[in-house]
C-alpha cells in the first residue's frame, strides 16, 4: 500500500493532451508539492522507457507500466512532461497514463490514439468541413454539420431559412452530457418538446440575426444569457449567399469534458403555422407541430471515430 500524504497536500491529478502517433503531447500533473519529483508513466502500448521506479513502490494502476520520465514540480504546483508519442502506436489503441509521486498517484487518464477532431474556421463557408461530419435532416433536404476539437463544439446549418427566414424562425442547438439536465425543452409560443435524454444547454439564433442567447438549465428552469454568441469565447457567422450559419461553442462553457449529446432543429413560432423541422439526426422527429424528439447525436471526444461513424 502507498503511504498517505499529509492532509495539507493536494490530490495529484493528470491532464493529457491528444494522443497522435508520431506527434508530441503534453502530460500536465497538478496538485504536486513544489520542488518535489513527479513521475510520468504509460501503459505498455505506449512504449515508454522502462518499468516503474522502485522508489515509488506499487505506483501504477495500469497494466504493464512503462516509465516516461520525471519533472520537478513548479512553485505553482504543476509539472509538465512533453511526450513524443511513438509513431508505432496504432490508431484506435487505448493508452492509460498516470502521474506519481512518492506516496501518491493520480487517477488513471485514458486516451484513444488518434482522437477525431477537426478545427473549423467560423466564416460561413463550408469548404473546411468534411463529409464525416455532415448529417441529413428530418426534412429530407438541407444539411447539418457537427464536429469538434479540443476547445470547441462546432455546428453549422445549411438551410434556406438562413437567407429567407425572419424573426419567428429559430435555429436551436440542444447540448448536454446526457445524464444531467432537463427532459423538457425550452418553450416557443405553444411548442415545448419532451426530450429523449436530459440536456443542460440550448444555443438559439433567430434567422433574421436580430437575437441569440445561451439557455442554461439551472435545475428548476431554463435561464437565458441574451446576446451570448460572440462572447465567452464563442463565435458565429451568418452567410446568406451560402445559406449557412456556422457556430463555435466552447466546451468549457458547456462544462463537458468527454462525451456529449447534441440535437439540432429549426423551429417556426408563428401563430397558426407553428412547426419544428429540419432536425438532425434525421431520425430525431417527424416535422410538424410540437413533436417530441426521440433521437440525438452522440459525441465521444475521446474516440478516434468520426461524428458520422459514431452515429451510424
Protein backbone atom coordinates (compact mmCIF):
# COMPACT_ATOMS: atom_id res chain seq x y z
CA UNK A 1 0.00 0.00 0.00
CA UNK A 2 1.13 3.54 -0.67
CA UNK A 3 1.77 5.92 2.14
CA UNK A 4 -0.87 8.62 2.66
CA UNK A 5 0.35 12.16 2.20
CA UNK A 6 -0.25 14.85 4.78
CA UNK A 7 -3.73 16.31 4.64
CA UNK A 8 -2.31 19.65 3.53
CA UNK A 9 -1.17 18.22 0.20
CA UNK A 10 -3.46 18.49 -2.79
CA UNK A 11 -4.60 15.40 -4.65
CA UNK A 12 -2.41 14.67 -7.63
CA UNK A 13 -4.23 14.88 -10.96
CA UNK A 14 -3.20 14.39 -14.58
CA UNK A 15 -4.43 16.06 -17.76
CA UNK A 16 -3.34 14.58 -21.08
CA UNK A 17 -3.41 16.25 -24.48
CA UNK A 18 -4.38 14.50 -27.71
CA UNK A 19 -2.55 11.26 -28.47
CA UNK A 20 -1.49 11.26 -32.12
CA UNK A 21 1.09 8.71 -33.28
CA UNK A 22 4.40 10.39 -34.07
CA UNK A 23 3.45 13.78 -32.59
CA UNK A 24 4.18 15.43 -29.23
CA UNK A 25 1.63 15.82 -26.48
CA UNK A 26 1.65 17.42 -23.04
CA UNK A 27 1.10 15.50 -19.79
CA UNK A 28 0.25 18.03 -17.09
CA UNK A 29 0.25 16.97 -13.44
CA UNK A 30 -1.38 19.31 -10.93
CA UNK A 31 -1.59 19.20 -7.17
CA UNK A 32 2.06 18.25 -6.70
CA UNK A 33 4.37 19.56 -3.97
CA UNK A 34 6.60 22.39 -5.27
CA UNK A 35 10.19 21.17 -5.61
CA UNK A 36 9.19 17.52 -5.49
CA UNK A 37 9.59 14.97 -8.24
CA UNK A 38 6.63 13.94 -10.39
CA UNK A 39 6.97 10.77 -12.45
CA UNK A 40 5.00 10.08 -15.64
CA UNK A 41 4.02 6.60 -16.75
CA UNK A 42 2.01 4.99 -19.53
CA UNK A 43 0.59 1.54 -20.21
CA UNK A 44 2.73 -0.93 -22.12
CA UNK A 45 1.31 0.01 -25.53
CA UNK A 46 2.76 3.47 -25.04
CA UNK A 47 6.32 2.16 -25.48
CA UNK A 48 7.89 4.05 -22.61
CA UNK A 49 11.49 3.78 -21.45
CA UNK A 50 11.24 1.24 -18.64
CA UNK A 51 9.40 -0.02 -15.54
CA UNK A 52 8.05 1.97 -12.63
CA UNK A 53 10.85 3.41 -10.43
CA UNK A 54 11.43 1.30 -7.32
CA UNK A 55 11.31 4.40 -5.14
CA UNK A 56 7.63 4.81 -5.91
CA UNK A 57 6.67 1.32 -4.79
CA UNK A 58 3.41 -0.03 -6.19
CA UNK A 59 2.72 3.13 -8.12
CA UNK A 60 0.65 2.43 -11.20
CA UNK A 61 -2.85 1.16 -11.70
CA UNK A 62 -2.41 0.33 -15.39
CA UNK A 63 -1.22 -2.90 -16.98
CA UNK A 64 2.48 -3.27 -17.90
CA UNK A 65 3.53 0.24 -16.89
CA UNK A 66 6.29 1.97 -18.79
CA UNK A 67 8.25 4.83 -17.31
CA UNK A 68 8.44 8.04 -19.36
CA UNK A 69 10.46 10.27 -17.03
CA UNK A 70 10.23 12.82 -14.25
CA UNK A 71 9.85 16.55 -13.79
CA UNK A 72 10.26 18.80 -10.77
CA UNK A 73 7.00 20.31 -9.54
CA UNK A 74 6.90 24.08 -10.11
CA UNK A 75 6.13 26.68 -7.42
CA UNK A 76 2.61 26.80 -8.86
CA UNK A 77 2.10 23.10 -8.02
CA UNK A 78 2.26 21.61 -11.50
CA UNK A 79 4.68 19.68 -13.68
CA UNK A 80 4.56 19.13 -17.45
CA UNK A 81 6.12 16.25 -19.37
CA UNK A 82 6.23 16.78 -23.14
CA UNK A 83 5.98 13.32 -24.59
CA UNK A 84 6.79 12.36 -28.17
CA UNK A 85 4.10 9.76 -28.86
CA UNK A 86 5.72 6.81 -30.70
CA UNK A 87 4.83 6.60 -34.36
CA UNK A 88 4.12 2.90 -33.93
CA UNK A 89 1.12 3.36 -31.63
CA UNK A 90 -1.82 2.04 -33.70
CA UNK A 91 -4.83 4.23 -34.34
CA UNK A 92 -7.66 3.26 -32.07
CA UNK A 93 -5.40 1.88 -29.36
CA UNK A 94 -6.20 2.98 -25.82
CA UNK A 95 -3.41 4.23 -23.60
CA UNK A 96 -3.63 4.57 -19.82
CA UNK A 97 -1.48 7.31 -18.32
CA UNK A 98 -0.74 8.22 -14.73
CA UNK A 99 1.36 10.65 -12.74
CA UNK A 100 3.01 9.56 -9.50
CA UNK A 101 4.99 10.96 -6.62
CA UNK A 102 6.26 9.15 -3.55
CA UNK A 103 3.19 8.20 -1.58
CA UNK A 104 0.57 9.31 -4.10
CA UNK A 105 -0.69 8.67 -7.63
CA UNK A 106 -3.14 10.45 -9.87
CA UNK A 107 -6.27 8.81 -11.24
CA UNK A 108 -5.66 6.98 -14.49
CA UNK A 109 -6.29 9.07 -17.61
CA UNK A 110 -7.30 7.05 -20.67
CA UNK A 111 -6.85 8.35 -24.20
CA UNK A 112 -7.56 6.88 -27.62
CA UNK A 113 -4.73 7.06 -30.11
CA UNK A 114 -5.81 9.34 -32.92
CA UNK A 115 -8.81 11.09 -31.34
CA UNK A 116 -11.06 12.53 -34.03
CA UNK A 117 -11.04 16.31 -34.10
CA UNK A 118 -11.23 18.89 -36.84
CA UNK A 119 -10.90 22.62 -36.16
CA UNK A 120 -13.21 24.84 -38.21
CA UNK A 121 -12.77 28.43 -39.30
CA UNK A 122 -16.06 30.10 -38.43
CA UNK A 123 -16.67 32.15 -41.56
CA UNK A 124 -19.94 30.89 -43.07
CA UNK A 125 -18.04 28.84 -45.66
CA UNK A 126 -18.46 25.06 -45.52
CA UNK A 127 -15.38 24.13 -47.54
CA UNK A 128 -13.36 23.22 -44.44
CA UNK A 129 -15.99 20.73 -43.27
CA UNK A 130 -15.53 17.10 -44.25
CA UNK A 131 -18.22 14.54 -45.21
CA UNK A 132 -17.64 12.59 -41.99
CA UNK A 133 -19.23 15.47 -40.05
CA UNK A 134 -22.28 16.03 -42.31
CA UNK A 135 -25.77 14.91 -41.26
CA UNK A 136 -29.08 14.78 -43.09
CA UNK A 137 -32.17 16.42 -41.58
CA UNK A 138 -35.72 15.26 -40.93
CA UNK A 139 -36.93 17.50 -43.77
CA UNK A 140 -35.19 15.40 -46.38
CA UNK A 141 -33.31 18.49 -47.52
CA UNK A 142 -30.62 20.80 -46.16
CA UNK A 143 -27.73 19.60 -44.01
CA UNK A 144 -26.35 19.95 -40.52
CA UNK A 145 -22.66 19.72 -39.67
CA UNK A 146 -21.43 18.77 -36.21
CA UNK A 147 -17.76 18.46 -35.25
CA UNK A 148 -15.27 19.39 -32.57
CA UNK A 149 -11.71 19.91 -31.50
CA UNK A 150 -10.14 20.20 -28.06
CA UNK A 151 -11.71 23.58 -27.33
CA UNK A 152 -14.93 23.87 -29.32
CA UNK A 153 -18.07 22.14 -30.43
CA UNK A 154 -18.73 23.30 -34.00
CA UNK A 155 -22.19 23.34 -35.56
CA UNK A 156 -23.23 24.57 -38.99
CA UNK A 157 -26.61 24.53 -40.68
CA UNK A 158 -27.08 24.92 -44.42
CA UNK A 159 -30.71 25.90 -44.74
CA UNK A 160 -32.77 28.28 -46.87
CA UNK A 161 -34.14 29.89 -43.70
CA UNK A 162 -30.70 31.40 -43.08
CA UNK A 163 -31.36 33.59 -46.12
CA UNK A 164 -35.14 33.85 -46.16
CA UNK A 165 -36.22 33.25 -42.55
CA UNK A 166 -37.45 36.00 -40.28
CA UNK A 167 -37.72 36.85 -36.60
CA UNK A 168 -40.01 33.87 -35.92
CA UNK A 169 -37.62 31.29 -37.37
CA UNK A 170 -35.13 29.81 -34.91
CA UNK A 171 -32.09 27.56 -35.12
CA UNK A 172 -31.97 25.56 -31.86
CA UNK A 173 -28.99 23.53 -30.65
CA UNK A 174 -29.51 21.41 -27.54
CA UNK A 175 -26.33 20.16 -25.83
CA UNK A 176 -25.68 18.22 -22.63
CA UNK A 177 -23.86 15.25 -21.18
CA UNK A 178 -26.95 13.05 -21.46
CA UNK A 179 -27.08 12.47 -17.71
CA UNK A 180 -27.87 15.83 -16.13
CA UNK A 181 -30.37 18.48 -17.13
CA UNK A 182 -33.99 18.71 -18.21
CA UNK A 183 -36.20 16.27 -20.08
CA UNK A 184 -38.44 19.21 -21.04
CA UNK A 185 -37.30 21.63 -23.72
CA UNK A 186 -37.46 25.40 -23.96
CA UNK A 187 -40.97 26.74 -24.81
CA UNK A 188 -41.62 28.69 -28.04
CA UNK A 189 -45.15 30.06 -28.28
CA UNK A 190 -47.18 26.88 -27.68
CA UNK A 191 -44.43 24.39 -28.59
CA UNK A 192 -42.41 22.79 -25.80
CA UNK A 193 -40.97 19.35 -26.55
CA UNK A 194 -40.29 16.45 -24.29
CA UNK A 195 -36.65 15.45 -24.76
CA UNK A 196 -35.33 11.88 -25.15
CA UNK A 197 -32.36 12.49 -22.82
CA UNK A 198 -31.67 15.35 -20.41
CA UNK A 199 -29.99 18.46 -21.81
CA UNK A 200 -28.34 21.29 -19.89
CA UNK A 201 -27.89 23.94 -22.61
CA UNK A 202 -29.59 25.34 -25.67
CA UNK A 203 -27.94 27.76 -28.08
CA UNK A 204 -30.56 29.64 -30.09
CA UNK A 205 -30.39 32.06 -33.01
CA UNK A 206 -33.09 33.98 -34.88
CA UNK A 207 -32.87 33.70 -38.65
CA UNK A 208 -33.03 37.46 -39.16
CA UNK A 209 -29.94 37.72 -36.90
CA UNK A 210 -31.80 40.04 -34.53
CA UNK A 211 -31.31 37.93 -31.42
CA UNK A 212 -29.44 34.99 -29.92
CA UNK A 213 -28.90 33.57 -26.46
CA UNK A 214 -27.50 30.73 -24.41
CA UNK A 215 -30.14 28.91 -22.39
CA UNK A 216 -28.99 27.02 -19.27
CA UNK A 217 -30.96 24.59 -17.15
CA UNK A 218 -30.42 25.68 -13.53
CA UNK A 219 -32.10 22.63 -12.01
CA UNK A 220 -35.54 24.19 -11.90
CA UNK A 221 -35.95 26.32 -15.03
CA UNK A 222 -34.32 27.44 -18.27
CA UNK A 223 -32.49 30.76 -17.88
CA UNK A 224 -31.17 32.94 -20.69
CA UNK A 225 -27.95 34.85 -21.33
CA UNK A 226 -29.05 37.20 -24.12
CA UNK A 227 -26.63 38.09 -26.91
CA UNK A 228 -24.27 35.31 -25.84
CA UNK A 229 -22.91 34.36 -29.26
CA UNK A 230 -19.68 36.23 -29.84
CA UNK A 231 -18.87 36.33 -26.10
CA UNK A 232 -17.15 33.94 -23.67
CA UNK A 233 -15.02 32.56 -26.49
CA UNK A 234 -17.98 31.63 -28.70
CA UNK A 235 -18.29 32.70 -32.33
CA UNK A 236 -20.82 32.67 -35.13
CA UNK A 237 -21.06 33.87 -38.72
CA UNK A 238 -24.13 34.01 -40.95
CA UNK A 239 -23.68 33.81 -44.71
CA UNK A 240 -26.90 34.49 -46.61
CA UNK A 241 -25.32 33.84 -50.03
CA UNK A 242 -24.24 30.39 -48.80
CA UNK A 243 -27.43 29.92 -46.74
CA UNK A 244 -25.15 28.91 -43.86
CA UNK A 245 -24.99 29.72 -40.15
CA UNK A 246 -21.80 28.46 -38.51
CA UNK A 247 -21.03 28.43 -34.77
CA UNK A 248 -18.19 27.63 -32.37
CA UNK A 249 -19.29 26.80 -28.81
CA UNK A 250 -16.59 26.44 -26.14
CA UNK A 251 -16.64 23.12 -24.33
CA UNK A 252 -15.62 24.97 -21.17
CA UNK A 253 -18.85 26.98 -21.25
CA UNK A 254 -20.84 23.76 -21.51
CA UNK A 255 -18.96 22.02 -18.70
CA UNK A 256 -18.48 18.93 -20.89
CA UNK A 257 -15.21 17.01 -20.95
CA UNK A 258 -15.51 13.68 -22.77
CA UNK A 259 -19.00 12.75 -24.00
CA UNK A 260 -21.95 14.85 -25.10
CA UNK A 261 -25.38 14.63 -26.67
CA UNK A 262 -26.44 17.09 -29.37
CA UNK A 263 -29.80 17.79 -31.03
CA UNK A 264 -30.24 20.41 -33.75
CA UNK A 265 -33.61 21.64 -35.02
CA UNK A 266 -35.26 24.55 -36.75
CA UNK A 267 -38.50 25.98 -35.35
CA UNK A 268 -41.15 28.41 -36.56
CA UNK A 269 -43.25 30.02 -33.82
CA UNK A 270 -45.79 31.99 -35.86
CA UNK A 271 -49.42 31.61 -34.73
CA UNK A 272 -51.36 29.10 -36.81
CA UNK A 273 -48.25 27.73 -38.51
CA UNK A 274 -46.07 26.59 -35.64
CA UNK A 275 -43.64 23.89 -36.76
CA UNK A 276 -40.49 22.12 -35.67
CA UNK A 277 -38.49 20.81 -38.61
CA UNK A 278 -35.13 20.04 -40.25
CA UNK A 279 -33.82 18.19 -37.21
CA UNK A 280 -30.52 16.35 -37.01
CA UNK A 281 -30.24 13.49 -36.64
CA UNK A 282 -32.90 12.92 -39.29
CA UNK A 283 -34.40 10.20 -37.09
CA UNK A 284 -35.00 12.63 -34.22
CA UNK A 285 -38.53 13.64 -35.18
CA UNK A 286 -41.21 13.93 -37.84
CA UNK A 287 -41.59 17.54 -38.94
CA UNK A 288 -44.75 19.14 -37.63
CA UNK A 289 -46.35 20.86 -34.68
CA UNK A 290 -44.52 20.34 -31.36
CA UNK A 291 -43.02 16.88 -31.95
CA UNK A 292 -41.15 15.17 -29.14
CA UNK A 293 -37.68 14.17 -30.40
CA UNK A 294 -36.77 10.52 -29.98
CA UNK A 295 -33.12 10.54 -31.09
CA UNK A 296 -29.95 12.61 -30.77
CA UNK A 297 -26.32 12.75 -31.90
CA UNK A 298 -23.76 11.13 -29.62
CA UNK A 299 -20.33 12.75 -29.26
CA UNK A 300 -17.36 10.92 -27.76
CA UNK A 301 -14.41 13.29 -27.81
CA UNK A 302 -12.01 10.55 -26.70
CA UNK A 303 -12.78 8.34 -29.71
CA UNK A 304 -10.84 8.12 -32.96
CA UNK A 305 -14.17 7.61 -34.77
CA UNK A 306 -15.64 10.48 -36.80
CA UNK A 307 -19.01 12.10 -35.95
CA UNK A 308 -20.76 10.13 -38.69
CA UNK A 309 -19.07 6.88 -37.62
CA UNK A 310 -20.22 7.48 -34.05
CA UNK A 311 -23.79 7.95 -35.31
CA UNK A 312 -24.38 5.31 -38.00
